[in-house]
């Protein structure tokens, strides 16, 4: 029974990682690709880590997997935020479709410390 649950978590994690790969290939711009790779790989990694913890089964392995999962869950979205922020500050354009709504005209606007109010 434990092996079946472990296999289900591994399958679920692998599905999320595959969906992230498809998202990186199919999405149109830097920001949406970064979103797909970060969110889905984080969920997939957690599924794989839970499967590994269940498969090993020893308390030492489970505690290590819990620490690795917590570190991964905290650092992956934060690093994606910093990468997206640097892309925004460099002026990478957003994807716009016909009929996109940008009420503040903020897409791609440069924000810097040298700007005057």
C-alpha atoms as a PDB file:
ATOM      1  CA  UNK A   1       0.000   0.000   0.000  1.00  0.00           C
ATOM      2  CA  UNK A   2       2.862   2.367   0.861  1.00  0.00           C
ATOM      3  CA  UNK A   3       4.481   1.680  -2.513  1.00  0.00           C
ATOM      4  CA  UNK A   4       1.222   2.521  -4.306  1.00  0.00           C
ATOM      5  CA  UNK A   5       0.919   5.867  -2.520  1.00  0.00           C
ATOM      6  CA  UNK A   6       4.573   6.605  -3.240  1.00  0.00           C
ATOM      7  CA  UNK A   7       4.047   5.784  -6.913  1.00  0.00           C
ATOM      8  CA  UNK A   8       0.999   8.057  -7.069  1.00  0.00           C
ATOM      9  CA  UNK A   9       2.962  10.981  -5.615  1.00  0.00           C
ATOM     10  CA  UNK A  10       5.779  10.307  -8.076  1.00  0.00           C
ATOM     11  CA  UNK A  11       3.310  10.199 -10.964  1.00  0.00           C
ATOM     12  CA  UNK A  12       1.668  13.421  -9.813  1.00  0.00           C
ATOM     13  CA  UNK A  13       5.026  15.171  -9.465  1.00  0.00           C
ATOM     14  CA  UNK A  14       6.131  13.935 -12.868  1.00  0.00           C
ATOM     15  CA  UNK A  15       2.892  15.224 -14.408  1.00  0.00           C
ATOM     16  CA  UNK A  16       3.489  18.717 -13.013  1.00  0.00           C
ATOM     17  CA  UNK A  17       7.087  18.730 -14.250  1.00  0.00           C
ATOM     18  CA  UNK A  18       5.923  17.629 -17.709  1.00  0.00           C
ATOM     19  CA  UNK A  19       3.270  20.368 -17.716  1.00  0.00           C
ATOM     20  CA  UNK A  20       5.998  22.884 -16.831  1.00  0.00           C
ATOM     21  CA  UNK A  21       8.088  21.736 -19.784  1.00  0.00           C
ATOM     22  CA  UNK A  22       5.115  22.091 -22.111  1.00  0.00           C
ATOM     23  CA  UNK A  23       4.405  25.549 -20.680  1.00  0.00           C
ATOM     24  CA  UNK A  24       7.977  26.695 -21.240  1.00  0.00           C
ATOM     25  CA  UNK A  25       7.768  25.557 -24.850  1.00  0.00           C
ATOM     26  CA  UNK A  26       4.298  26.927 -25.601  1.00  0.00           C
ATOM     27  CA  UNK A  27       3.963  30.205 -23.695  1.00  0.00           C
ATOM     28  CA  UNK A  28       4.728  33.368 -25.665  1.00  0.00           C
ATOM     29  CA  UNK A  29       6.933  35.542 -23.464  1.00  0.00           C
ATOM     30  CA  UNK A  30       9.526  35.568 -20.714  1.00  0.00           C
ATOM     31  CA  UNK A  31       7.122  36.200 -17.839  1.00  0.00           C
ATOM     32  CA  UNK A  32       4.607  33.475 -18.633  1.00  0.00           C
ATOM     33  CA  UNK A  33       7.385  30.957 -19.259  1.00  0.00           C
ATOM     34  CA  UNK A  34       8.954  31.872 -15.941  1.00  0.00           C
ATOM     35  CA  UNK A  35       5.581  31.472 -14.224  1.00  0.00           C
ATOM     36  CA  UNK A  36       5.060  28.011 -15.712  1.00  0.00           C
ATOM     37  CA  UNK A  37       8.529  26.826 -14.898  1.00  0.00           C
ATOM     38  CA  UNK A  38       8.452  28.076 -11.320  1.00  0.00           C
ATOM     39  CA  UNK A  39       4.984  27.155 -10.095  1.00  0.00           C
ATOM     40  CA  UNK A  40       4.666  23.803 -11.771  1.00  0.00           C
ATOM     41  CA  UNK A  41       8.206  22.652 -11.070  1.00  0.00           C
ATOM     42  CA  UNK A  42       7.734  23.581  -7.407  1.00  0.00           C
ATOM     43  CA  UNK A  43       4.582  21.461  -7.212  1.00  0.00           C
ATOM     44  CA  UNK A  44       6.231  18.641  -9.147  1.00  0.00           C
ATOM     45  CA  UNK A  45       9.319  18.724  -6.975  1.00  0.00           C
ATOM     46  CA  UNK A  46       7.232  18.503  -3.841  1.00  0.00           C
ATOM     47  CA  UNK A  47       5.434  15.459  -5.255  1.00  0.00           C
ATOM     48  CA  UNK A  48       8.740  13.777  -6.065  1.00  0.00           C
ATOM     49  CA  UNK A  49      10.175  14.611  -2.637  1.00  0.00           C
ATOM     50  CA  UNK A  50       7.122  13.209  -0.851  1.00  0.00           C
ATOM     51  CA  UNK A  51       7.381  10.047  -2.942  1.00  0.00           C
ATOM     52  CA  UNK A  52      11.061   9.689  -2.039  1.00  0.00           C
ATOM     53  CA  UNK A  53      10.314  10.213   1.657  1.00  0.00           C
ATOM     54  CA  UNK A  54       7.600   7.549   1.570  1.00  0.00           C
ATOM     55  CA  UNK A  55       9.789   5.170  -0.399  1.00  0.00           C
ATOM     56  CA  UNK A  56      12.813   5.415   1.903  1.00  0.00           C
ATOM     57  CA  UNK A  57      10.670   5.303   5.019  1.00  0.00           C
ATOM     58  CA  UNK A  58      13.391   5.812   7.646  1.00  0.00           C
ATOM     59  CA  UNK A  59      12.945   8.733  10.040  1.00  0.00           C
ATOM     60  CA  UNK A  60      16.291  10.228   9.013  1.00  0.00           C
ATOM     61  CA  UNK A  61      15.384  10.147   5.308  1.00  0.00           C
ATOM     62  CA  UNK A  62      11.917  11.565   5.983  1.00  0.00           C
ATOM     63  CA  UNK A  63      13.322  14.444   8.046  1.00  0.00           C
ATOM     64  CA  UNK A  64      15.840  15.240   5.304  1.00  0.00           C
ATOM     65  CA  UNK A  65      13.127  15.193   2.650  1.00  0.00           C
ATOM     66  CA  UNK A  66      10.971  17.515   4.753  1.00  0.00           C
ATOM     67  CA  UNK A  67      13.859  19.977   5.056  1.00  0.00           C
ATOM     68  CA  UNK A  68      14.653  19.752   1.336  1.00  0.00           C
ATOM     69  CA  UNK A  69      10.981  20.248   0.454  1.00  0.00           C
ATOM     70  CA  UNK A  70      10.699  23.300   2.723  1.00  0.00           C
ATOM     71  CA  UNK A  71      13.876  24.813   1.268  1.00  0.00           C
ATOM     72  CA  UNK A  72      12.714  24.144  -2.288  1.00  0.00           C
ATOM     73  CA  UNK A  73       9.217  25.518  -1.585  1.00  0.00           C
ATOM     74  CA  UNK A  74      10.670  28.736  -0.160  1.00  0.00           C
ATOM     75  CA  UNK A  75      13.512  29.406  -2.597  1.00  0.00           C
ATOM     76  CA  UNK A  76      12.058  28.551  -6.021  1.00  0.00           C
ATOM     77  CA  UNK A  77       9.279  31.197  -6.040  1.00  0.00           C
ATOM     78  CA  UNK A  78      11.593  33.797  -4.511  1.00  0.00           C
ATOM     79  CA  UNK A  79      14.244  33.260  -7.154  1.00  0.00           C
ATOM     80  CA  UNK A  80      11.595  33.461  -9.886  1.00  0.00           C
ATOM     81  CA  UNK A  81      10.403  36.752  -8.446  1.00  0.00           C
ATOM     82  CA  UNK A  82      13.924  38.156  -8.565  1.00  0.00           C
ATOM     83  CA  UNK A  83      14.434  36.942 -12.137  1.00  0.00           C
ATOM     84  CA  UNK A  84      11.099  38.471 -13.230  1.00  0.00           C
ATOM     85  CA  UNK A  85      11.954  41.734 -11.497  1.00  0.00           C
ATOM     86  CA  UNK A  86      15.290  41.951 -13.279  1.00  0.00           C
ATOM     87  CA  UNK A  87      13.575  41.239 -16.595  1.00  0.00           C
ATOM     88  CA  UNK A  88      11.023  43.957 -15.896  1.00  0.00           C
ATOM     89  CA  UNK A  89      13.688  46.492 -14.951  1.00  0.00           C
ATOM     90  CA  UNK A  90      15.620  45.669 -18.128  1.00  0.00           C
ATOM     91  CA  UNK A  91      12.484  46.468 -20.105  1.00  0.00           C
ATOM     92  CA  UNK A  92      11.557  43.044 -21.461  1.00  0.00           C
ATOM     93  CA  UNK A  93       8.187  43.457 -23.187  1.00  0.00           C
ATOM     94  CA  UNK A  94       5.010  41.775 -22.055  1.00  0.00           C
ATOM     95  CA  UNK A  95       2.913  39.679 -24.406  1.00  0.00           C
ATOM     96  CA  UNK A  96      -0.113  41.581 -25.598  1.00  0.00           C
ATOM     97  CA  UNK A  97      -3.059  40.196 -27.500  1.00  0.00           C
ATOM     98  CA  UNK A  98      -5.541  42.240 -29.454  1.00  0.00           C
ATOM     99  CA  UNK A  99      -7.980  43.568 -26.894  1.00  0.00           C
ATOM    100  CA  UNK A 100      -5.599  43.383 -23.922  1.00  0.00           C
ATOM    101  CA  UNK A 101      -6.529  45.775 -21.146  1.00  0.00           C
ATOM    102  CA  UNK A 102      -3.805  47.826 -19.478  1.00  0.00           C
ATOM    103  CA  UNK A 103      -5.686  50.486 -17.547  1.00  0.00           C
ATOM    104  CA  UNK A 104      -2.590  52.091 -16.034  1.00  0.00           C
ATOM    105  CA  UNK A 105      -0.420  51.737 -19.150  1.00  0.00           C
ATOM    106  CA  UNK A 106       2.144  50.028 -16.920  1.00  0.00           C
ATOM    107  CA  UNK A 107       3.221  47.120 -19.123  1.00  0.00           C
ATOM    108  CA  UNK A 108       6.900  47.563 -19.788  1.00  0.00           C
ATOM    109  CA  UNK A 109       7.165  50.983 -18.129  1.00  0.00           C
ATOM    110  CA  UNK A 110      10.639  51.624 -16.796  1.00  0.00           C
ATOM    111  CA  UNK A 111      10.744  52.299 -13.074  1.00  0.00           C
ATOM    112  CA  UNK A 112      14.023  53.449 -11.658  1.00  0.00           C
ATOM    113  CA  UNK A 113      15.534  55.456  -8.856  1.00  0.00           C
ATOM    114  CA  UNK A 114      16.687  58.216 -11.215  1.00  0.00           C
ATOM    115  CA  UNK A 115      13.155  59.061 -12.350  1.00  0.00           C
ATOM    116  CA  UNK A 116      11.819  62.420 -11.213  1.00  0.00           C
ATOM    117  CA  UNK A 117       8.358  62.509  -9.613  1.00  0.00           C
END
